[in-house]
Each structure stands twice: as C-alpha cells, then as structure tokens.
C-alpha cells in the first residue's frame, strides 16, 4: 500500500498527464448543459413570437378578405414573408405559407399559390403538411387545366387518411381530362377507401355513369 505522500504524488502525476483533458471534458459537458438550456429557451421564445406573428397574419387576412382591401392583403403578404424568414424552423411558418396559398387561389393568383406550397415542401414539413400541400397543388392544376401536373402531384399523396380524398380528386382530374373510365375507377376506389358517407362523391360516380350511357 502506498503512503499518503506517494498517493499525493501519484495524484499529481495523474493530474499532470490527464488534468488538461479533464478540464476540457468538464467544460464541454457544462457548455452542453447550458447550451441545451439556452437552445430550449430560444426555441420557446421563437415559438411564442411566431405564434403572435401568425395571429397577426390571420387578423390581417380576415380584414383584407372581408373588406376586399388590397392594402390589408399586401400587409398580409408582408407579415407572412417576415414570419417565414424570421421563424423559418417553426410550424407557424408553414401554416403562414398555407394560408397565403389559399388567399392567392381566391384571387386566382395560381403561380403565387404554387410558390407558397413549394416553399412548404422545401422546408421540412411534417408528413401531414406535405400531403396537404400536394393535394392543394393538384387542385390548383385542375383550376388551370393542367391535369397531368395535377395527377403527378397526387402521386405524392400516400398517407392512408388522405387516400379517399386524393382518389376523388384524381377522379375529378381524369374526368376533366376526358378519361372517363379511369375517372370512374378512381371514384369507386375513393368510395371503397372512405369510412364515411360521401353523398357528393356518390353523385359524381352516378353522373359519370349516366353521361356514359347517354
């Protein structure tokens, strides 16, 4: 057994050899703890600020739409762009883009709407948001008579809860393109995938059958 002096000397030697590395390791560990807390606080603050900005955007859009105010709608676009720039990593930024895409469609500014939806798709959306963005792109392409592009967009809709709606929209696109047999098959598939009563979808399918008979 070593004497106390020998133990002290051994500790000195160990510290001489390993002390610097230990200090660095402790510093890294502490910076990690404080860094994590700082990051968490930043995320919290960012989310709160984004939430307020998004509510301001909603208010501006509601005023702009209800009063047909070009100034308010211009303000809405500015607020949305600011939110997307300053709070890009938050879900509120993607909600802002989705809202402005809807406003653009109402104004028949389809290129603007598509750009907003593409922004969502290029900024790490949740799977649900991704599916919604592609569905809305398909509807825009239907409005612009770009049926093949619409069908291509729908090819990216794969989540089960969206399948019935996606196939109904696929039927609409195919019908608009004059591909009636394929449209009927899409409507039938949409009905089979739905767990709810879909009277409008049923009417579409019946109308298609009647038009074919005629």
Foldseek 3Di string as FASTA:
>chain_A
DDDPVVVVVVVVVCCVVCVVVVVVVVVVVVCVVVVVVVVVVVVVVLVVVLVVLLVVLVVLVVCCVVVVPPVSLVVSVVSLVVSCVSNVLDVSNLVSLCVNLVVCVVVVVNVSNLVSLVSCVVRDHDLVSLLVSLQVNLVSCVVVLVLVSSVVSLVSNDDLVCQLVSLQSNLVSCVSVVNLVSSLVSLVVSVVSDPDDDVVSVVVNVVSVVVVVD
